Amino acid sequence: MLRANKDHKGHVSSAVQQLAENKAAPAADGSSGNFREKESEFQINSAMKSLLAALQSGNTALEASDEKTEKPRRVLLCLGDKKDEVAKLLTSSGYRVYLAQTPAQANERLREGKTEIVVFSPDFAAEFGGAAILQQKANAMYTSERRRLFLVSLEEGGATMNAHEAFLRNLNLIVNTSDIPQLPLILNRAVLDFNDLYHYLNKGLGVEPI
């Protein structure tokens, strides 16, 4: 579906123009360098741990490390007023950060399948009803798809890490805006708990944790 809007002169935007405007959400400034550095460090550490474990046990085959605490991750931000603050904070913490301006940009980025964490707020793309669209997308997902999306709501009135409220709203995590300075710590802890919950299921399906 493509939305056709008339401008002030009555002209309807073309499909090509809409596709150009709704390209995938771009990466935040400076996020690629920190992410590549953390990703490289993670890969080297994992290889070293596997090598040491193989040498100590006498195994000839190397096994992948189970340590996921420092895994570099990609996060899609669908925020309003807080987007710059959150982007800078997560970028400095080694996340690969993408900033969506519209629901279409967010959808295009998610279609790649590499970004499994989405942080959104009620004021995201309010003119398009952005927050509602993201919530509807999550609600319409099959269970197998929904398990691969970690959905975080950043809001003023929410109670940080209120698991019951998050469950009722089909979210994975709620974070109050007053706790933004601690967002990397909160997000990392919540994702680790999420991966622990689905550890045996992921292992049985042969898929990597988030």
Protein backbone atom coordinates (compact mmCIF):
# COMPACT_ATOMS: atom_id res chain seq x y z
CA MET A 1 0.00 0.00 0.00
CA LEU A 2 1.26 3.46 -0.91
CA ARG A 3 -0.25 6.59 0.60
CA ALA A 4 -1.02 9.28 -2.00
CA ASN A 5 -0.99 12.82 -0.58
CA LYS A 6 -1.78 16.06 -2.33
CA ASP A 7 0.53 19.02 -1.78
CA HIS A 8 -0.68 22.62 -1.42
CA LYS A 9 -0.90 22.92 -5.22
CA GLY A 10 -3.10 19.86 -5.54
CA HIS A 11 -0.43 17.62 -7.05
CA VAL A 12 -0.31 13.98 -5.98
CA SER A 13 3.13 12.63 -5.05
CA SER A 14 4.34 9.83 -7.31
CA ALA A 15 5.07 6.28 -6.17
CA VAL A 16 8.76 6.77 -7.00
CA GLN A 17 8.89 9.91 -4.84
CA GLN A 18 7.25 8.07 -1.93
CA LEU A 19 9.72 5.20 -2.20
CA ALA A 20 12.61 7.66 -2.09
CA GLU A 21 11.19 9.39 0.98
CA ASN A 22 10.40 6.12 2.76
CA LYS A 23 13.78 4.42 2.42
CA ALA A 24 15.15 2.48 5.38
CA ALA A 25 15.87 4.46 8.54
CA PRO A 26 19.47 5.77 8.36
CA ALA A 27 22.17 5.08 10.92
CA ALA A 28 22.82 7.72 13.57
CA ASP A 29 25.99 9.77 13.30
CA GLY A 30 29.01 8.04 14.79
CA SER A 31 27.28 4.73 15.49
CA SER A 32 29.12 2.69 12.87
CA GLY A 33 32.60 3.20 14.35
CA ASN A 34 31.73 2.25 17.92
CA PHE A 35 29.63 -0.68 16.73
CA ARG A 36 32.38 -2.11 14.49
CA GLU A 37 34.90 -1.75 17.31
CA LYS A 38 32.65 -3.57 19.78
CA GLU A 39 31.72 -6.22 17.21
CA SER A 40 35.37 -6.89 16.43
CA GLU A 41 36.23 -7.08 20.13
CA PHE A 42 33.34 -9.47 20.74
CA GLN A 43 34.42 -11.76 17.89
CA ILE A 44 38.04 -11.82 19.05
CA ASN A 45 37.07 -12.53 22.66
CA SER A 46 34.70 -15.32 21.61
CA ALA A 47 37.39 -16.92 19.46
CA MET A 48 39.95 -16.72 22.27
CA LYS A 49 37.57 -18.24 24.81
CA SER A 50 36.70 -21.07 22.44
CA LEU A 51 40.40 -21.71 21.75
CA LEU A 52 41.30 -21.78 25.45
CA ALA A 53 38.37 -24.08 26.21
CA ALA A 54 39.41 -26.46 23.42
CA LEU A 55 43.02 -26.53 24.61
CA GLN A 56 42.03 -27.16 28.23
CA SER A 57 39.61 -29.96 27.37
CA GLY A 58 41.73 -31.48 24.64
CA ASN A 59 39.00 -31.07 22.04
CA THR A 60 40.09 -30.67 18.47
CA ALA A 61 36.91 -28.86 17.49
CA LEU A 62 36.26 -25.32 18.62
CA GLU A 63 32.87 -24.48 20.07
CA ALA A 64 31.24 -21.07 20.04
CA SER A 65 31.30 -19.21 23.32
CA ASP A 66 28.05 -19.01 25.29
CA GLU A 67 28.96 -15.57 26.63
CA LYS A 68 26.46 -13.08 25.20
CA THR A 69 26.73 -10.24 27.68
CA GLU A 70 28.88 -8.08 25.43
CA LYS A 71 27.26 -8.96 22.12
CA PRO A 72 27.01 -5.84 19.93
CA ARG A 73 23.43 -5.17 18.92
CA ARG A 74 21.47 -3.08 16.45
CA VAL A 75 18.63 -0.90 17.71
CA LEU A 76 15.98 1.04 15.80
CA LEU A 77 14.85 4.26 17.46
CA CYS A 78 11.34 5.48 16.72
CA LEU A 79 11.27 8.49 19.02
CA GLY A 80 10.16 12.09 19.14
CA ASP A 81 11.79 14.70 21.37
CA LYS A 82 14.19 12.24 23.03
CA LYS A 83 15.67 10.72 19.87
CA ASP A 84 18.94 12.68 19.84
CA GLU A 85 19.61 12.10 23.53
CA VAL A 86 18.90 8.38 23.34
CA ALA A 87 20.81 7.96 20.05
CA LYS A 88 23.92 9.57 21.50
CA LEU A 89 23.72 7.47 24.66
CA LEU A 90 23.27 4.13 22.89
CA THR A 91 25.88 4.98 20.26
CA SER A 92 28.46 5.66 22.95
CA SER A 93 27.56 2.28 24.49
CA GLY A 94 28.44 0.43 21.30
CA TYR A 95 25.01 -0.04 19.75
CA ARG A 96 24.45 0.29 16.02
CA VAL A 97 21.68 2.90 16.07
CA TYR A 98 19.16 3.65 13.33
CA LEU A 99 16.85 6.66 13.47
CA ALA A 100 13.42 6.43 11.85
CA GLN A 101 11.47 9.58 11.00
CA THR A 102 8.33 7.79 9.77
CA PRO A 103 6.67 4.39 10.25
CA ALA A 104 7.58 3.53 6.64
CA GLN A 105 11.28 4.08 7.35
CA ALA A 106 11.01 1.90 10.45
CA ASN A 107 9.28 -0.85 8.50
CA GLU A 108 11.91 -0.81 5.76
CA ARG A 109 14.70 -1.15 8.30
CA LEU A 110 12.93 -4.02 10.08
CA ARG A 111 12.40 -5.85 6.79
CA GLU A 112 16.15 -6.41 6.59
CA GLY A 113 15.87 -8.77 9.54
CA LYS A 114 19.07 -7.59 11.24
CA THR A 115 17.50 -5.16 13.72
CA GLU A 116 15.70 -6.97 16.52
CA ILE A 117 15.39 -4.20 19.13
CA VAL A 118 12.96 -1.31 18.66
CA VAL A 119 12.64 1.60 21.07
CA PHE A 120 9.61 3.81 20.45
CA SER A 121 7.72 6.57 22.22
CA PRO A 122 4.13 7.89 22.06
CA ASP A 123 5.30 11.04 20.24
CA PHE A 124 6.96 9.17 17.36
CA ALA A 125 5.73 10.54 14.00
CA ALA A 126 2.53 11.75 15.64
CA GLU A 127 1.15 13.06 12.34
CA PHE A 128 1.15 9.48 11.01
CA GLY A 129 0.10 7.82 14.27
CA GLY A 130 3.55 6.23 14.38
CA ALA A 131 3.39 4.65 17.84
CA ALA A 132 0.01 3.05 17.12
CA ILE A 133 1.27 1.67 13.80
CA LEU A 134 4.27 0.05 15.47
CA GLN A 135 2.08 -1.46 18.17
CA GLN A 136 -0.36 -2.78 15.55
CA LYS A 137 2.53 -4.32 13.63
CA ALA A 138 3.73 -6.13 16.75
CA ASN A 139 0.20 -7.29 17.60
CA ALA A 140 -0.30 -8.70 14.10
CA MET A 141 2.93 -10.73 14.09
CA TYR A 142 2.96 -14.50 14.27
CA THR A 143 4.41 -15.85 17.51
CA SER A 144 7.62 -16.95 15.79
CA GLU A 145 8.12 -13.39 14.44
CA ARG A 146 7.18 -11.68 17.68
CA ARG A 147 9.80 -13.64 19.62
CA ARG A 148 12.47 -12.09 17.38
CA LEU A 149 11.41 -8.51 18.11
CA PHE A 150 12.28 -6.85 21.43
CA LEU A 151 9.85 -3.94 21.71
CA VAL A 152 10.58 -1.14 24.19
CA SER A 153 8.28 1.73 25.05
CA LEU A 154 9.96 4.90 26.34
CA GLU A 155 7.33 7.01 28.09
CA GLU A 156 6.83 9.59 30.81
CA GLY A 157 4.11 7.81 32.77
CA GLY A 158 5.42 4.26 32.67
CA ALA A 159 7.08 2.29 35.45
CA THR A 160 10.52 1.10 34.39
CA MET A 161 10.78 -2.70 34.02
CA ASN A 162 7.14 -3.27 34.98
CA ALA A 163 6.86 -6.76 33.53
CA HIS A 164 3.13 -7.14 34.17
CA GLU A 165 2.20 -3.90 32.42
CA ALA A 166 4.52 -4.72 29.52
CA PHE A 167 2.90 -8.15 29.13
CA LEU A 168 -0.62 -6.69 29.07
CA ARG A 169 0.41 -4.25 26.31
CA ASN A 170 2.35 -6.82 24.26
CA LEU A 171 5.64 -5.05 24.98
CA ASN A 172 8.93 -6.49 26.16
CA LEU A 173 10.05 -3.55 28.25
CA ILE A 174 8.78 -0.22 29.56
CA VAL A 175 11.26 2.52 30.49
CA ASN A 176 10.35 5.81 32.11
CA THR A 177 11.98 8.84 30.47
CA SER A 178 13.52 9.80 33.82
CA ASP A 179 15.63 6.62 33.57
CA ILE A 180 17.11 7.43 30.16
CA PRO A 181 20.65 7.89 31.63
CA GLN A 182 20.50 4.24 32.72
CA LEU A 183 18.96 2.96 29.48
CA PRO A 184 22.00 0.94 28.27
CA LEU A 185 22.16 -0.90 31.61
CA ILE A 186 18.38 -1.48 31.70
CA LEU A 187 18.24 -2.61 28.08
CA ASN A 188 21.16 -5.01 28.43
CA ARG A 189 19.70 -6.59 31.57
CA ALA A 190 16.23 -6.97 30.02
CA VAL A 191 17.56 -8.50 26.79
CA LEU A 192 19.68 -11.00 28.73
CA ASP A 193 16.61 -12.03 30.75
CA PHE A 194 14.63 -12.33 27.52
CA ASN A 195 17.30 -14.57 25.98
CA ASP A 196 17.42 -16.71 29.12
CA LEU A 197 13.66 -17.20 28.88
CA TYR A 198 13.91 -18.51 25.32
CA HIS A 199 17.31 -20.22 25.70
CA TYR A 200 16.17 -23.80 25.18
CA LEU A 201 13.64 -22.88 22.51
CA ASN A 202 16.27 -20.96 20.53
CA LYS A 203 18.70 -23.82 20.96
CA GLY A 204 16.12 -26.31 19.75
CA LEU A 205 15.25 -24.17 16.74
CA GLY A 206 18.91 -23.52 16.00
CA VAL A 207 18.59 -19.73 16.09
CA GLU A 208 20.82 -17.14 17.72
CA PRO A 209 19.50 -15.20 20.73
CA ILE A 210 18.77 -11.52 20.27
